[in-house]
Amino acid sequence: MSTRKLYATDVLVLSHFDLGEADRVLSVLTPVDGKLKVIAKGVRRPTSRLGGSLEPFAELRLSLVRGRTFDIVTQAAVIHPWLRLRDSLASTATAWYVTELADRSLEERHPAEPLYAILHRAYTLLDAGMAPGRVARWFELRLADELGFRPEIDRCVECDRLIEPTESVRWVPALGGVVCPRHGGPTLQEAGISTDALRVLKAYQRMDAEAIAGLRLPPGVEREAEEAIRAFLVYVLEREPRSRRFLDEVRPGTGATDPRMARSRAAAQSHPSPANETEPGLERPWVADPPPASVTEGADR
């Protein structure tokens, strides 16, 4: 980490809370220094030159001065605004969700260039119009990889035996993946996962984002894979993301129609209060359209 008093860095805004009458403390993700707390003094005043720039879902270039408690923002410039992702309520909700996952996964001032890259990529995919649910699954599995918790999908986590394509298995997040029928534990009804959903997990784990965008998936199978990944991440992060409820509320078909009210709720859920900021353990772990493809193409390779 640089020790210069004045420095500049690219950042993604993760969360913020207001301080005093006009200041705002931001949690930002940087490629080199990882997650930082910085303060924008006077940013809430109508005359502030910084107020319109320090928003989430944009890549910023900040100039900062090192301070005793927080580094101080002196200038801000927008590099990538990703404006189109804000036009869709589902995309906005997904952006809040992946941002919270990143925020809860990091301790302060630990290098986080890979995580910066995948969060940046998730915003870009949402801005380009990729299905928000698939962006979320893509991000969840890559986040698990970066945290060192890649789920085991091909082999039994108990005996390391290769799972047969048609074999019934159990999905046990606490053990790190799939368990074959030779081992005890939860029943198939409690923790079973279909072979189709397992193929979907393999596809999400192995394919790049463009290939995932073109998959033809039955809604029920896609939902089953989503629930499996969610259960795994809850175990890894040791908490349920607060933005997940909002994400489920704005899922197509749930009747969420007021973007202003929904976005306000998302911001409230994703931006912790100063009291919550000090809660013990809060900062810890927690294009061109591709041609259509079948989920089974490449998933079992």
C-alpha atoms as a PDB file:
ATOM      1  CA  MET A   1       0.000   0.000   0.000  1.00  0.00           C
ATOM      2  CA  SER A   2       1.258   3.465  -0.908  1.00  0.00           C
ATOM      3  CA  THR A   3       2.241   5.755   1.980  1.00  0.00           C
ATOM      4  CA  ARG A   4       2.038   9.031   0.039  1.00  0.00           C
ATOM      5  CA  LYS A   5      -0.114  11.682   1.702  1.00  0.00           C
ATOM      6  CA  LEU A   6      -1.754  12.573  -1.626  1.00  0.00           C
ATOM      7  CA  TYR A   7      -2.801   9.795  -3.972  1.00  0.00           C
ATOM      8  CA  ALA A   8      -5.364   8.819  -6.612  1.00  0.00           C
ATOM      9  CA  THR A   9      -7.103   5.488  -7.202  1.00  0.00           C
ATOM     10  CA  ASP A  10      -9.939   3.902  -9.137  1.00  0.00           C
ATOM     11  CA  VAL A  11     -12.828   2.825  -6.888  1.00  0.00           C
ATOM     12  CA  LEU A  12     -16.226   1.155  -6.846  1.00  0.00           C
ATOM     13  CA  VAL A  13     -18.569   2.466  -4.138  1.00  0.00           C
ATOM     14  CA  LEU A  14     -19.822  -0.365  -1.917  1.00  0.00           C
ATOM     15  CA  SER A  15     -21.871   1.459   0.730  1.00  0.00           C
ATOM     16  CA  HIS A  16     -22.078   4.724   2.651  1.00  0.00           C
ATOM     17  CA  PHE A  17     -23.494   6.386   5.735  1.00  0.00           C
ATOM     18  CA  ASP A  18     -24.042  10.041   6.603  1.00  0.00           C
ATOM     19  CA  LEU A  19     -21.909  11.673   9.274  1.00  0.00           C
ATOM     20  CA  GLY A  20     -22.701  14.946  10.984  1.00  0.00           C
ATOM     21  CA  GLU A  21     -24.658  17.618   9.131  1.00  0.00           C
ATOM     22  CA  ALA A  22     -23.007  17.451   5.711  1.00  0.00           C
ATOM     23  CA  ASP A  23     -20.365  14.708   5.505  1.00  0.00           C
ATOM     24  CA  ARG A  24     -20.627  11.179   4.137  1.00  0.00           C
ATOM     25  CA  VAL A  25     -18.422   8.158   4.854  1.00  0.00           C
ATOM     26  CA  LEU A  26     -18.002   5.801   1.912  1.00  0.00           C
ATOM     27  CA  SER A  27     -16.862   2.201   1.839  1.00  0.00           C
ATOM     28  CA  VAL A  28     -15.050   1.826  -1.476  1.00  0.00           C
ATOM     29  CA  LEU A  29     -13.298  -1.037  -3.232  1.00  0.00           C
ATOM     30  CA  THR A  30      -9.931  -0.326  -4.874  1.00  0.00           C
ATOM     31  CA  PRO A  31      -7.827  -2.679  -7.015  1.00  0.00           C
ATOM     32  CA  VAL A  32      -4.620  -2.327  -4.966  1.00  0.00           C
ATOM     33  CA  ASP A  33      -5.551  -1.411  -1.399  1.00  0.00           C
ATOM     34  CA  GLY A  34      -8.798  -3.378  -1.243  1.00  0.00           C
ATOM     35  CA  LYS A  35     -11.694  -2.003   0.786  1.00  0.00           C
ATOM     36  CA  LEU A  36     -11.231   1.449   2.318  1.00  0.00           C
ATOM     37  CA  LYS A  37     -13.307   3.857   4.364  1.00  0.00           C
ATOM     38  CA  VAL A  38     -13.061   7.408   2.994  1.00  0.00           C
ATOM     39  CA  ILE A  39     -14.886  10.601   3.898  1.00  0.00           C
ATOM     40  CA  ALA A  40     -16.387  13.183   1.553  1.00  0.00           C
ATOM     41  CA  LYS A  41     -16.616  16.386   3.554  1.00  0.00           C
ATOM     42  CA  GLY A  42     -19.593  18.651   2.859  1.00  0.00           C
ATOM     43  CA  VAL A  43     -20.854  16.355   0.103  1.00  0.00           C
ATOM     44  CA  ARG A  44     -24.485  16.605   1.248  1.00  0.00           C
ATOM     45  CA  ARG A  45     -24.583  20.378   0.816  1.00  0.00           C
ATOM     46  CA  PRO A  46     -26.395  21.523  -2.354  1.00  0.00           C
ATOM     47  CA  THR A  47     -23.301  23.471  -3.421  1.00  0.00           C
ATOM     48  CA  SER A  48     -20.925  20.486  -3.185  1.00  0.00           C
ATOM     49  CA  ARG A  49     -19.039  19.677  -6.399  1.00  0.00           C
ATOM     50  CA  LEU A  50     -18.708  16.037  -5.350  1.00  0.00           C
ATOM     51  CA  GLY A  51     -22.326  15.211  -4.562  1.00  0.00           C
ATOM     52  CA  GLY A  52     -23.366  13.947  -7.985  1.00  0.00           C
ATOM     53  CA  SER A  53     -20.296  11.785  -8.505  1.00  0.00           C
ATOM     54  CA  LEU A  54     -20.034   9.643  -5.378  1.00  0.00           C
ATOM     55  CA  GLU A  55     -22.795   7.202  -6.239  1.00  0.00           C
ATOM     56  CA  PRO A  56     -22.899   3.395  -6.484  1.00  0.00           C
ATOM     57  CA  PHE A  57     -22.792   1.462  -9.767  1.00  0.00           C
ATOM     58  CA  ALA A  58     -20.077   3.644 -11.288  1.00  0.00           C
ATOM     59  CA  GLU A  59     -16.328   3.348 -11.502  1.00  0.00           C
ATOM     60  CA  LEU A  60     -14.735   6.523 -10.143  1.00  0.00           C
ATOM     61  CA  ARG A  61     -11.281   8.044 -10.072  1.00  0.00           C
ATOM     62  CA  LEU A  62     -10.782   9.595  -6.640  1.00  0.00           C
ATOM     63  CA  SER A  63      -8.078  11.956  -5.467  1.00  0.00           C
ATOM     64  CA  LEU A  64      -7.543  11.552  -1.725  1.00  0.00           C
ATOM     65  CA  VAL A  65      -5.521  12.898   1.178  1.00  0.00           C
ATOM     66  CA  ARG A  66      -4.541  10.438   3.893  1.00  0.00           C
ATOM     67  CA  GLY A  67      -6.211  11.246   7.186  1.00  0.00           C
ATOM     68  CA  ARG A  68      -5.954  10.023  10.742  1.00  0.00           C
ATOM     69  CA  THR A  69      -9.262   8.112  10.738  1.00  0.00           C
ATOM     70  CA  PHE A  70     -10.540   8.311   7.156  1.00  0.00           C
ATOM     71  CA  ASP A  71      -8.797   9.300   3.952  1.00  0.00           C
ATOM     72  CA  ILE A  72     -10.405  12.476   2.586  1.00  0.00           C
ATOM     73  CA  VAL A  73     -11.872  12.765  -0.913  1.00  0.00           C
ATOM     74  CA  THR A  74     -10.725  15.946  -2.656  1.00  0.00           C
ATOM     75  CA  GLN A  75     -11.739  15.227  -6.268  1.00  0.00           C
ATOM     76  CA  ALA A  76     -13.873  12.672  -8.091  1.00  0.00           C
ATOM     77  CA  ALA A  77     -14.281  11.832 -11.756  1.00  0.00           C
ATOM     78  CA  VAL A  78     -16.606   9.240 -13.283  1.00  0.00           C
ATOM     79  CA  ILE A  79     -14.837   6.669 -15.481  1.00  0.00           C
ATOM     80  CA  HIS A  80     -17.688   4.232 -16.210  1.00  0.00           C
ATOM     81  CA  PRO A  81     -21.224   5.349 -15.232  1.00  0.00           C
ATOM     82  CA  TRP A  82     -23.072   2.130 -16.272  1.00  0.00           C
ATOM     83  CA  LEU A  83     -26.265   4.144 -16.665  1.00  0.00           C
ATOM     84  CA  ARG A  84     -28.309   1.502 -18.476  1.00  0.00           C
ATOM     85  CA  LEU A  85     -28.323  -0.938 -15.572  1.00  0.00           C
ATOM     86  CA  ARG A  86     -30.371   1.633 -13.634  1.00  0.00           C
ATOM     87  CA  ASP A  87     -33.176   1.510 -16.200  1.00  0.00           C
ATOM     88  CA  SER A  88     -34.261  -1.965 -15.100  1.00  0.00           C
ATOM     89  CA  LEU A  89     -35.461  -2.566 -11.569  1.00  0.00           C
ATOM     90  CA  ALA A  90     -34.239  -6.172 -11.658  1.00  0.00           C
ATOM     91  CA  SER A  91     -30.789  -5.068 -12.836  1.00  0.00           C
ATOM     92  CA  THR A  92     -30.617  -2.383 -10.148  1.00  0.00           C
ATOM     93  CA  ALA A  93     -31.625  -4.883  -7.453  1.00  0.00           C
ATOM     94  CA  THR A  94     -29.006  -7.347  -8.692  1.00  0.00           C
ATOM     95  CA  ALA A  95     -26.363  -4.617  -8.642  1.00  0.00           C
ATOM     96  CA  TRP A  96     -27.226  -3.884  -4.988  1.00  0.00           C
ATOM     97  CA  TYR A  97     -27.022  -7.606  -4.243  1.00  0.00           C
ATOM     98  CA  VAL A  98     -23.603  -8.287  -5.781  1.00  0.00           C
ATOM     99  CA  THR A  99     -22.286  -5.071  -4.229  1.00  0.00           C
ATOM    100  CA  GLU A 100     -23.380  -6.211  -0.781  1.00  0.00           C
ATOM    101  CA  LEU A 101     -21.809  -9.632  -1.319  1.00  0.00           C
ATOM    102  CA  ALA A 102     -18.509  -7.971  -2.200  1.00  0.00           C
ATOM    103  CA  ASP A 103     -18.731  -5.606   0.777  1.00  0.00           C
ATOM    104  CA  ARG A 104     -19.441  -8.375   3.273  1.00  0.00           C
ATOM    105  CA  SER A 105     -16.703 -10.599   1.895  1.00  0.00           C
ATOM    106  CA  LEU A 106     -13.792  -8.230   2.500  1.00  0.00           C
ATOM    107  CA  GLU A 107     -11.798  -6.924   5.404  1.00  0.00           C
ATOM    108  CA  GLU A 108     -10.336  -3.466   5.086  1.00  0.00           C
ATOM    109  CA  ARG A 109      -6.987  -2.778   3.410  1.00  0.00           C
ATOM    110  CA  HIS A 110      -6.438  -6.245   1.987  1.00  0.00           C
ATOM    111  CA  PRO A 111      -5.482  -6.424  -1.726  1.00  0.00           C
ATOM    112  CA  ALA A 112      -8.575  -7.346  -3.734  1.00  0.00           C
ATOM    113  CA  GLU A 113      -7.781  -6.916  -7.425  1.00  0.00           C
ATOM    114  CA  PRO A 114      -9.566 -10.147  -8.531  1.00  0.00           C
ATOM    115  CA  LEU A 115     -12.726  -9.219  -6.626  1.00  0.00           C
ATOM    116  CA  TYR A 116     -12.588  -5.691  -8.042  1.00  0.00           C
ATOM    117  CA  ALA A 117     -12.406  -7.217 -11.517  1.00  0.00           C
ATOM    118  CA  ILE A 118     -15.428  -9.514 -11.090  1.00  0.00           C
ATOM    119  CA  LEU A 119     -17.581  -6.767  -9.527  1.00  0.00           C
ATOM    120  CA  HIS A 120     -16.600  -4.446 -12.378  1.00  0.00           C
ATOM    121  CA  ARG A 121     -17.507  -7.219 -14.822  1.00  0.00           C
ATOM    122  CA  ALA A 122     -20.884  -7.822 -13.153  1.00  0.00           C
ATOM    123  CA  TYR A 123     -21.821  -4.148 -13.547  1.00  0.00           C
ATOM    124  CA  THR A 124     -20.737  -4.267 -17.195  1.00  0.00           C
ATOM    125  CA  LEU A 125     -22.849  -7.369 -17.870  1.00  0.00           C
ATOM    126  CA  LEU A 126     -25.920  -5.821 -16.236  1.00  0.00           C
ATOM    127  CA  ASP A 127     -25.391  -2.616 -18.194  1.00  0.00           C
ATOM    128  CA  ALA A 128     -25.204  -4.651 -21.421  1.00  0.00           C
ATOM    129  CA  GLY A 129     -28.581  -6.249 -20.687  1.00  0.00           C
ATOM    130  CA  MET A 130     -27.627  -9.770 -19.600  1.00  0.00           C
ATOM    131  CA  ALA A 131     -30.347 -11.501 -17.568  1.00  0.00           C
ATOM    132  CA  PRO A 132     -29.868 -10.256 -13.981  1.00  0.00           C
ATOM    133  CA  GLY A 133     -30.360 -13.698 -12.422  1.00  0.00           C
ATOM    134  CA  ARG A 134     -27.583 -15.173 -14.515  1.00  0.00           C
ATOM    135  CA  VAL A 135     -25.260 -12.294 -13.689  1.00  0.00           C
ATOM    136  CA  ALA A 136     -25.946 -12.964 -10.002  1.00  0.00           C
ATOM    137  CA  ARG A 137     -25.158 -16.694 -10.342  1.00  0.00           C
ATOM    138  CA  TRP A 138     -22.013 -15.952 -12.353  1.00  0.00           C
ATOM    139  CA  PHE A 139     -20.865 -13.505  -9.681  1.00  0.00           C
ATOM    140  CA  GLU A 140     -21.753 -15.758  -6.730  1.00  0.00           C
ATOM    141  CA  LEU A 141     -19.658 -18.665  -7.962  1.00  0.00           C
ATOM    142  CA  ARG A 142     -16.688 -16.493  -8.892  1.00  0.00           C
ATOM    143  CA  LEU A 143     -16.860 -14.779  -5.519  1.00  0.00           C
ATOM    144  CA  ALA A 144     -16.774 -18.203  -3.849  1.00  0.00           C
ATOM    145  CA  ASP A 145     -13.704 -19.052  -5.952  1.00  0.00           C
ATOM    146  CA  GLU A 146     -11.930 -15.849  -4.909  1.00  0.00           C
ATOM    147  CA  LEU A 147     -12.700 -16.501  -1.238  1.00  0.00           C
ATOM    148  CA  GLY A 148     -11.244 -20.008  -1.523  1.00  0.00           C
ATOM    149  CA  PHE A 149     -14.600 -21.790  -1.155  1.00  0.00           C
ATOM    150  CA  ARG A 150     -15.135 -23.236  -4.631  1.00  0.00           C
ATOM    151  CA  PRO A 151     -17.993 -25.756  -4.261  1.00  0.00           C
ATOM    152  CA  GLU A 152     -17.233 -29.331  -5.250  1.00  0.00           C
ATOM    153  CA  ILE A 153     -19.653 -30.430  -7.956  1.00  0.00           C
ATOM    154  CA  ASP A 154     -17.863 -33.299  -9.714  1.00  0.00           C
ATOM    155  CA  ARG A 155     -16.731 -35.487  -6.798  1.00  0.00           C
ATOM    156  CA  CYS A 156     -18.185 -36.581  -3.499  1.00  0.00           C
ATOM    157  CA  VAL A 157     -16.740 -34.382  -0.763  1.00  0.00           C
ATOM    158  CA  GLU A 158     -16.653 -37.367   1.618  1.00  0.00           C
ATOM    159  CA  CYS A 159     -14.865 -40.019  -0.458  1.00  0.00           C
ATOM    160  CA  ASP A 160     -13.587 -38.064  -3.491  1.00  0.00           C
ATOM    161  CA  ARG A 161     -15.374 -40.479  -5.817  1.00  0.00           C
ATOM    162  CA  LEU A 162     -16.326 -39.093  -9.241  1.00  0.00           C
ATOM    163  CA  ILE A 163     -20.089 -38.590  -9.420  1.00  0.00           C
ATOM    164  CA  GLU A 164     -21.798 -40.535 -12.209  1.00  0.00           C
ATOM    165  CA  PRO A 165     -23.922 -38.422 -14.620  1.00  0.00           C
ATOM    166  CA  THR A 166     -27.224 -40.061 -13.567  1.00  0.00           C
ATOM    167  CA  GLU A 167     -26.395 -40.614  -9.902  1.00  0.00           C
ATOM    168  CA  SER A 168     -28.611 -39.141  -7.173  1.00  0.00           C
ATOM    169  CA  VAL A 169     -26.582 -36.926  -4.863  1.00  0.00           C
ATOM    170  CA  ARG A 170     -27.138 -34.568  -1.953  1.00  0.00           C
ATOM    171  CA  TRP A 171     -26.129 -30.907  -1.888  1.00  0.00           C
ATOM    172  CA  VAL A 172     -24.600 -30.172   1.529  1.00  0.00           C
ATOM    173  CA  PRO A 173     -23.178 -26.613   1.770  1.00  0.00           C
ATOM    174  CA  ALA A 174     -21.662 -27.279   5.205  1.00  0.00           C
ATOM    175  CA  LEU A 175     -19.451 -29.966   3.657  1.00  0.00           C
ATOM    176  CA  GLY A 176     -18.571 -27.932   0.575  1.00  0.00           C
ATOM    177  CA  GLY A 177     -20.611 -29.526  -2.204  1.00  0.00           C
ATOM    178  CA  VAL A 178     -22.144 -32.824  -3.288  1.00  0.00           C
ATOM    179  CA  VAL A 179     -22.248 -36.061  -1.289  1.00  0.00           C
ATOM    180  CA  CYS A 180     -22.849 -39.435  -2.932  1.00  0.00           C
ATOM    181  CA  PRO A 181     -25.455 -41.952  -1.659  1.00  0.00           C
ATOM    182  CA  ARG A 182     -22.776 -44.061   0.063  1.00  0.00           C
ATOM    183  CA  HIS A 183     -22.566 -41.622   2.955  1.00  0.00           C
ATOM    184  CA  GLY A 184     -25.036 -40.753   5.678  1.00  0.00           C
ATOM    185  CA  GLY A 185     -26.430 -37.392   6.611  1.00  0.00           C
ATOM    186  CA  PRO A 186     -29.496 -35.435   5.461  1.00  0.00           C
ATOM    187  CA  THR A 187     -31.973 -37.382   3.369  1.00  0.00           C
ATOM    188  CA  LEU A 188     -32.376 -36.769  -0.345  1.00  0.00           C
ATOM    189  CA  GLN A 189     -35.664 -35.016   0.391  1.00  0.00           C
ATOM    190  CA  GLU A 190     -33.861 -32.580   2.697  1.00  0.00           C
ATOM    191  CA  ALA A 191     -30.803 -31.890   0.595  1.00  0.00           C
ATOM    192  CA  GLY A 192     -31.293 -33.530  -2.786  1.00  0.00           C
ATOM    193  CA  ILE A 193     -30.380 -31.814  -6.038  1.00  0.00           C
ATOM    194  CA  SER A 194     -31.519 -32.961  -9.456  1.00  0.00           C
ATOM    195  CA  THR A 195     -29.063 -34.024 -12.133  1.00  0.00           C
ATOM    196  CA  ASP A 196     -30.307 -31.168 -14.342  1.00  0.00           C
ATOM    197  CA  ALA A 197     -29.649 -28.586 -11.623  1.00  0.00           C
ATOM    198  CA  LEU A 198     -26.204 -30.084 -11.074  1.00  0.00           C
ATOM    199  CA  ARG A 199     -25.469 -29.644 -14.783  1.00  0.00           C
ATOM    200  CA  VAL A 200     -26.529 -26.012 -14.497  1.00  0.00           C
ATOM    201  CA  LEU A 201     -24.110 -25.504 -11.585  1.00  0.00           C
ATOM    202  CA  LYS A 202     -21.331 -27.017 -13.691  1.00  0.00           C
ATOM    203  CA  ALA A 203     -22.193 -24.666 -16.538  1.00  0.00           C
ATOM    204  CA  TYR A 204     -22.125 -21.616 -14.289  1.00  0.00           C
ATOM    205  CA  GLN A 205     -18.841 -22.733 -12.774  1.00  0.00           C
ATOM    206  CA  ARG A 206     -17.052 -23.498 -16.052  1.00  0.00           C
ATOM    207  CA  MET A 207     -18.493 -21.247 -18.768  1.00  0.00           C
ATOM    208  CA  ASP A 208     -17.729 -17.609 -19.348  1.00  0.00           C
ATOM    209  CA  ALA A 209     -20.448 -14.993 -19.000  1.00  0.00           C
ATOM    210  CA  GLU A 210     -21.265 -14.761 -22.701  1.00  0.00           C
ATOM    211  CA  ALA A 211     -21.832 -18.516 -22.944  1.00  0.00           C
ATOM    212  CA  ILE A 212     -24.001 -18.465 -19.804  1.00  0.00           C
ATOM    213  CA  ALA A 213     -26.140 -15.694 -21.308  1.00  0.00           C
ATOM    214  CA  GLY A 214     -27.061 -17.954 -24.230  1.00  0.00           C
ATOM    215  CA  LEU A 215     -28.114 -21.034 -22.251  1.00  0.00           C
ATOM    216  CA  ARG A 216     -31.656 -22.362 -22.662  1.00  0.00           C
ATOM    217  CA  LEU A 217     -32.727 -23.361 -19.157  1.00  0.00           C
ATOM    218  CA  PRO A 218     -36.097 -24.580 -17.828  1.00  0.00           C
ATOM    219  CA  PRO A 219     -37.238 -22.048 -15.196  1.00  0.00           C
ATOM    220  CA  GLY A 220     -37.664 -24.703 -12.517  1.00  0.00           C
ATOM    221  CA  VAL A 221     -34.158 -26.059 -12.992  1.00  0.00           C
ATOM    222  CA  GLU A 222     -32.658 -22.577 -13.011  1.00  0.00           C
ATOM    223  CA  ARG A 223     -34.494 -21.769  -9.785  1.00  0.00           C
ATOM    224  CA  GLU A 224     -33.239 -24.981  -8.160  1.00  0.00           C
ATOM    225  CA  ALA A 225     -29.652 -24.122  -9.074  1.00  0.00           C
ATOM    226  CA  GLU A 226     -30.166 -20.609  -7.698  1.00  0.00           C
ATOM    227  CA  GLU A 227     -31.374 -21.936  -4.345  1.00  0.00           C
ATOM    228  CA  ALA A 228     -28.406 -24.315  -4.132  1.00  0.00           C
ATOM    229  CA  ILE A 229     -25.882 -21.532  -4.742  1.00  0.00           C
ATOM    230  CA  ARG A 230     -27.666 -19.229  -2.311  1.00  0.00           C
ATOM    231  CA  ALA A 231     -27.588 -21.842   0.449  1.00  0.00           C
ATOM    232  CA  PHE A 232     -23.891 -22.365  -0.152  1.00  0.00           C
ATOM    233  CA  LEU A 233     -23.100 -18.630   0.036  1.00  0.00           C
ATOM    234  CA  VAL A 234     -25.109 -18.178   3.224  1.00  0.00           C
ATOM    235  CA  TYR A 235     -22.947 -20.858   4.801  1.00  0.00           C
ATOM    236  CA  VAL A 236     -19.715 -19.307   3.478  1.00  0.00           C
ATOM    237  CA  LEU A 237     -20.587 -15.734   4.468  1.00  0.00           C
ATOM    238  CA  GLU A 238     -22.305 -16.750   7.719  1.00  0.00           C
ATOM    239  CA  ARG A 239     -25.249 -14.457   7.089  1.00  0.00           C
ATOM    240  CA  GLU A 240     -28.190 -13.820   4.780  1.00  0.00           C
ATOM    241  CA  PRO A 241     -27.558 -10.767   2.571  1.00  0.00           C
ATOM    242  CA  ARG A 242     -30.037  -8.022   3.457  1.00  0.00           C
ATOM    243  CA  SER A 243     -30.545  -7.075  -0.193  1.00  0.00           C
ATOM    244  CA  ARG A 244     -31.772 -10.569  -1.083  1.00  0.00           C
ATOM    245  CA  ARG A 245     -35.321  -9.879   0.103  1.00  0.00           C
ATOM    246  CA  PHE A 246     -35.501  -6.820  -2.128  1.00  0.00           C
ATOM    247  CA  LEU A 247     -34.067  -8.839  -5.008  1.00  0.00           C
ATOM    248  CA  ASP A 248     -36.817 -11.432  -4.599  1.00  0.00           C
ATOM    249  CA  GLU A 249     -39.504  -8.746  -4.364  1.00  0.00           C
ATOM    250  CA  VAL A 250     -38.621  -7.269  -7.761  1.00  0.00           C
ATOM    251  CA  ARG A 251     -38.303 -10.621  -9.514  1.00  0.00           C
ATOM    252  CA  PRO A 252     -40.545 -10.582 -12.629  1.00  0.00           C
ATOM    253  CA  GLY A 253     -44.086 -11.584 -11.719  1.00  0.00           C
ATOM    254  CA  THR A 254     -43.968 -10.458  -8.073  1.00  0.00           C
ATOM    255  CA  GLY A 255     -45.856  -7.214  -8.700  1.00  0.00           C
ATOM    256  CA  ALA A 256     -43.131  -4.706  -7.787  1.00  0.00           C
ATOM    257  CA  THR A 257     -44.054  -1.732  -9.990  1.00  0.00           C
ATOM    258  CA  ASP A 258     -42.844   1.444  -8.250  1.00  0.00           C
ATOM    259  CA  PRO A 259     -39.130   1.911  -9.096  1.00  0.00           C
ATOM    260  CA  ARG A 260     -38.666   4.863  -6.729  1.00  0.00           C
ATOM    261  CA  MET A 261     -40.035   3.045  -3.694  1.00  0.00           C
ATOM    262  CA  ALA A 262     -38.150  -0.152  -4.498  1.00  0.00           C
ATOM    263  CA  ARG A 263     -34.859   1.639  -5.070  1.00  0.00           C
ATOM    264  CA  SER A 264     -35.313   3.510  -1.799  1.00  0.00           C
ATOM    265  CA  ARG A 265     -35.798   0.215   0.035  1.00  0.00           C
ATOM    266  CA  ALA A 266     -32.758  -1.248  -1.674  1.00  0.00           C
ATOM    267  CA  ALA A 267     -30.598   1.667  -0.603  1.00  0.00           C
ATOM    268  CA  ALA A 268     -31.835   1.380   2.986  1.00  0.00           C
ATOM    269  CA  GLN A 269     -31.061  -2.339   3.081  1.00  0.00           C
ATOM    270  CA  SER A 270     -27.658  -2.025   1.444  1.00  0.00           C
ATOM    271  CA  HIS A 271     -26.338   1.043   3.294  1.00  0.00           C
ATOM    272  CA  PRO A 272     -25.820   0.206   6.982  1.00  0.00           C
ATOM    273  CA  SER A 273     -26.254   2.850   9.637  1.00  0.00           C
ATOM    274  CA  PRO A 274     -23.244   4.076  11.646  1.00  0.00           C
ATOM    275  CA  ALA A 275     -24.356   1.846  14.520  1.00  0.00           C
ATOM    276  CA  ASN A 276     -24.293  -1.214  12.320  1.00  0.00           C
ATOM    277  CA  GLU A 277     -20.895  -0.255  10.987  1.00  0.00           C
ATOM    278  CA  THR A 278     -19.378  -1.025  14.374  1.00  0.00           C
ATOM    279  CA  GLU A 279     -21.234  -4.280  14.928  1.00  0.00           C
ATOM    280  CA  PRO A 280     -18.643  -6.957  15.774  1.00  0.00           C
ATOM    281  CA  GLY A 281     -17.822  -9.126  12.807  1.00  0.00           C
ATOM    282  CA  LEU A 282     -19.832  -7.043  10.319  1.00  0.00           C
ATOM    283  CA  GLU A 283     -16.909  -6.559   7.966  1.00  0.00           C
ATOM    284  CA  ARG A 284     -15.935 -10.226   7.911  1.00  0.00           C
ATOM    285  CA  PRO A 285     -17.147 -13.247   5.903  1.00  0.00           C
ATOM    286  CA  TRP A 286     -19.439 -12.835   5.339  1.00  0.00           C
ATOM    287  CA  VAL A 287     -21.873  -7.436 -27.357  1.00  0.00           C
ATOM    288  CA  ALA A 288     -22.969  -9.348 -29.614  1.00  0.00           C
ATOM    289  CA  ASP A 289     -25.512 -11.873 -28.486  1.00  0.00           C
ATOM    290  CA  PRO A 290     -24.005 -15.372 -28.411  1.00  0.00           C
ATOM    291  CA  PRO A 291     -25.789 -18.143 -30.280  1.00  0.00           C
ATOM    292  CA  PRO A 292     -28.236 -20.151 -28.135  1.00  0.00           C
ATOM    293  CA  ALA A 293     -26.753 -23.185 -26.456  1.00  0.00           C
ATOM    294  CA  SER A 294     -28.108 -26.086 -24.496  1.00  0.00           C
ATOM    295  CA  VAL A 295     -27.215 -26.323 -20.842  1.00  0.00           C
ATOM    296  CA  THR A 296     -25.776 -29.750 -21.451  1.00  0.00           C
ATOM    297  CA  GLU A 297     -23.314 -28.457 -24.049  1.00  0.00           C
ATOM    298  CA  GLY A 298     -19.997 -28.144 -22.269  1.00  0.00           C
ATOM    299  CA  ALA A 299     -21.405 -28.646 -18.793  1.00  0.00           C
ATOM    300  CA  ASP A 300     -20.125 -32.194 -18.435  1.00  0.00           C
ATOM    301  CA  ARG A 301     -16.770 -31.644 -20.089  1.00  0.00           C
END
